[in-house]
């Protein structure tokens, strides 16, 4: 049986949620473009890339809040860890790309 309060589950959720946010961002704002055109647009416009990463991280924040309220602290810490990694990547994209 899978224990709901563990670090690995939190890391997996933290890795998954930004991808869901990424695809939601694509569907909401750029569904008229093909996915390949969208990726090319992200490559050309770095400000769009940082905005997309930021919106994707909002999902992690929402899930993180949920797990803290349910007092599943180990899972929340795993989500927080991956959120920090994604935030560092977002800052690096904004500064260096």
C-alpha atoms as a PDB file:
ATOM      1  CA  UNK A   1       0.000   0.000   0.000  1.00  0.00           C
ATOM      2  CA  UNK A   2       1.328   3.439  -0.900  1.00  0.00           C
ATOM      3  CA  UNK A   3       1.797   5.785   2.014  1.00  0.00           C
ATOM      4  CA  UNK A   4       0.380   9.219   1.198  1.00  0.00           C
ATOM      5  CA  UNK A   5       2.830  11.163   3.354  1.00  0.00           C
ATOM      6  CA  UNK A   6       6.299  10.600   1.935  1.00  0.00           C
ATOM      7  CA  UNK A   7       8.992  12.623   0.210  1.00  0.00           C
ATOM      8  CA  UNK A   8       9.095  10.605  -3.016  1.00  0.00           C
ATOM      9  CA  UNK A   9       5.383  11.129  -3.661  1.00  0.00           C
ATOM     10  CA  UNK A  10       5.873  14.852  -3.087  1.00  0.00           C
ATOM     11  CA  UNK A  11       8.773  15.006  -5.544  1.00  0.00           C
ATOM     12  CA  UNK A  12       6.747  13.111  -8.161  1.00  0.00           C
ATOM     13  CA  UNK A  13       3.755  15.409  -7.708  1.00  0.00           C
ATOM     14  CA  UNK A  14       6.063  18.433  -7.782  1.00  0.00           C
ATOM     15  CA  UNK A  15       7.596  17.246 -11.053  1.00  0.00           C
ATOM     16  CA  UNK A  16       4.230  16.439 -12.645  1.00  0.00           C
ATOM     17  CA  UNK A  17       2.221  19.576 -11.832  1.00  0.00           C
ATOM     18  CA  UNK A  18       4.348  22.054 -13.837  1.00  0.00           C
ATOM     19  CA  UNK A  19       3.976  19.841 -16.920  1.00  0.00           C
ATOM     20  CA  UNK A  20       0.211  19.911 -16.465  1.00  0.00           C
ATOM     21  CA  UNK A  21       0.468  23.693 -16.120  1.00  0.00           C
ATOM     22  CA  UNK A  22       2.607  23.849 -19.262  1.00  0.00           C
ATOM     23  CA  UNK A  23       0.043  21.949 -21.326  1.00  0.00           C
ATOM     24  CA  UNK A  24      -2.800  23.961 -19.782  1.00  0.00           C
ATOM     25  CA  UNK A  25      -0.988  27.171 -20.719  1.00  0.00           C
ATOM     26  CA  UNK A  26      -0.584  25.884 -24.256  1.00  0.00           C
ATOM     27  CA  UNK A  27      -4.242  24.876 -24.548  1.00  0.00           C
ATOM     28  CA  UNK A  28      -5.535  28.112 -23.057  1.00  0.00           C
ATOM     29  CA  UNK A  29      -3.404  30.645 -24.896  1.00  0.00           C
ATOM     30  CA  UNK A  30      -1.871  28.946 -27.942  1.00  0.00           C
ATOM     31  CA  UNK A  31      -4.114  26.099 -29.046  1.00  0.00           C
ATOM     32  CA  UNK A  32      -4.390  27.669 -32.506  1.00  0.00           C
ATOM     33  CA  UNK A  33      -0.721  26.843 -33.081  1.00  0.00           C
ATOM     34  CA  UNK A  34       0.643  23.350 -33.503  1.00  0.00           C
ATOM     35  CA  UNK A  35       2.696  22.121 -30.578  1.00  0.00           C
ATOM     36  CA  UNK A  36       5.906  22.375 -32.644  1.00  0.00           C
ATOM     37  CA  UNK A  37       5.100  25.997 -33.526  1.00  0.00           C
ATOM     38  CA  UNK A  38       4.443  26.712 -29.863  1.00  0.00           C
ATOM     39  CA  UNK A  39       7.828  25.270 -28.865  1.00  0.00           C
ATOM     40  CA  UNK A  40       9.523  27.369 -31.572  1.00  0.00           C
ATOM     41  CA  UNK A  41       7.724  30.450 -30.245  1.00  0.00           C
ATOM     42  CA  UNK A  42       8.931  29.685 -26.726  1.00  0.00           C
ATOM     43  CA  UNK A  43      12.456  29.394 -28.067  1.00  0.00           C
ATOM     44  CA  UNK A  44      12.195  32.779 -29.797  1.00  0.00           C
ATOM     45  CA  UNK A  45      10.470  34.735 -27.022  1.00  0.00           C
ATOM     46  CA  UNK A  46      12.198  34.139 -23.709  1.00  0.00           C
ATOM     47  CA  UNK A  47       9.751  36.366 -21.818  1.00  0.00           C
ATOM     48  CA  UNK A  48       6.978  33.994 -22.852  1.00  0.00           C
ATOM     49  CA  UNK A  49       9.045  31.088 -21.555  1.00  0.00           C
ATOM     50  CA  UNK A  50       9.520  32.664 -18.128  1.00  0.00           C
ATOM     51  CA  UNK A  51       5.794  33.550 -17.960  1.00  0.00           C
ATOM     52  CA  UNK A  52       4.880  29.966 -18.826  1.00  0.00           C
ATOM     53  CA  UNK A  53       7.219  28.582 -16.152  1.00  0.00           C
ATOM     54  CA  UNK A  54       5.809  30.983 -13.569  1.00  0.00           C
ATOM     55  CA  UNK A  55       2.225  29.984 -14.318  1.00  0.00           C
ATOM     56  CA  UNK A  56       3.201  26.333 -14.193  1.00  0.00           C
ATOM     57  CA  UNK A  57       4.724  26.865 -10.748  1.00  0.00           C
ATOM     58  CA  UNK A  58       1.436  28.285  -9.491  1.00  0.00           C
ATOM     59  CA  UNK A  59       0.006  24.775  -9.684  1.00  0.00           C
ATOM     60  CA  UNK A  60       2.799  23.561  -7.426  1.00  0.00           C
ATOM     61  CA  UNK A  61       1.925  26.331  -4.978  1.00  0.00           C
ATOM     62  CA  UNK A  62      -1.719  25.298  -4.931  1.00  0.00           C
ATOM     63  CA  UNK A  63      -0.902  21.623  -4.418  1.00  0.00           C
ATOM     64  CA  UNK A  64       1.705  22.520  -1.790  1.00  0.00           C
ATOM     65  CA  UNK A  65      -0.904  24.497   0.148  1.00  0.00           C
ATOM     66  CA  UNK A  66      -3.352  21.599  -0.075  1.00  0.00           C
ATOM     67  CA  UNK A  67      -0.874  19.090   1.356  1.00  0.00           C
ATOM     68  CA  UNK A  68       0.175  21.425   4.167  1.00  0.00           C
ATOM     69  CA  UNK A  69      -3.484  21.941   5.119  1.00  0.00           C
ATOM     70  CA  UNK A  70      -4.011  18.165   5.154  1.00  0.00           C
ATOM     71  CA  UNK A  71      -0.936  17.960   7.428  1.00  0.00           C
ATOM     72  CA  UNK A  72       0.937  15.694   5.021  1.00  0.00           C
ATOM     73  CA  UNK A  73       4.184  17.498   5.698  1.00  0.00           C
ATOM     74  CA  UNK A  74       6.636  15.053   4.100  1.00  0.00           C
ATOM     75  CA  UNK A  75       4.763  15.144   0.815  1.00  0.00           C
ATOM     76  CA  UNK A  76       4.560  18.936   1.001  1.00  0.00           C
ATOM     77  CA  UNK A  77       8.317  19.137   1.596  1.00  0.00           C
ATOM     78  CA  UNK A  78       8.925  17.041  -1.538  1.00  0.00           C
ATOM     79  CA  UNK A  79       6.708  19.396  -3.542  1.00  0.00           C
ATOM     80  CA  UNK A  80       8.501  22.405  -2.057  1.00  0.00           C
ATOM     81  CA  UNK A  81      11.886  20.971  -3.036  1.00  0.00           C
ATOM     82  CA  UNK A  82      10.888  20.524  -6.687  1.00  0.00           C
ATOM     83  CA  UNK A  83       9.246  23.965  -6.695  1.00  0.00           C
ATOM     84  CA  UNK A  84      12.554  25.483  -5.591  1.00  0.00           C
ATOM     85  CA  UNK A  85      14.395  23.621  -8.363  1.00  0.00           C
ATOM     86  CA  UNK A  86      11.880  24.822 -10.959  1.00  0.00           C
ATOM     87  CA  UNK A  87      12.105  28.383  -9.593  1.00  0.00           C
ATOM     88  CA  UNK A  88      15.892  28.331  -9.991  1.00  0.00           C
ATOM     89  CA  UNK A  89      15.436  27.135 -13.568  1.00  0.00           C
ATOM     90  CA  UNK A  90      12.912  29.938 -14.202  1.00  0.00           C
ATOM     91  CA  UNK A  91      15.328  32.556 -12.856  1.00  0.00           C
ATOM     92  CA  UNK A  92      18.170  31.102 -14.916  1.00  0.00           C
ATOM     93  CA  UNK A  93      16.008  31.233 -18.062  1.00  0.00           C
ATOM     94  CA  UNK A  94      15.125  34.845 -17.387  1.00  0.00           C
ATOM     95  CA  UNK A  95      18.700  35.955 -16.683  1.00  0.00           C
ATOM     96  CA  UNK A  96      20.812  33.859 -19.001  1.00  0.00           C
ATOM     97  CA  UNK A  97      18.705  33.062 -22.060  1.00  0.00           C
END
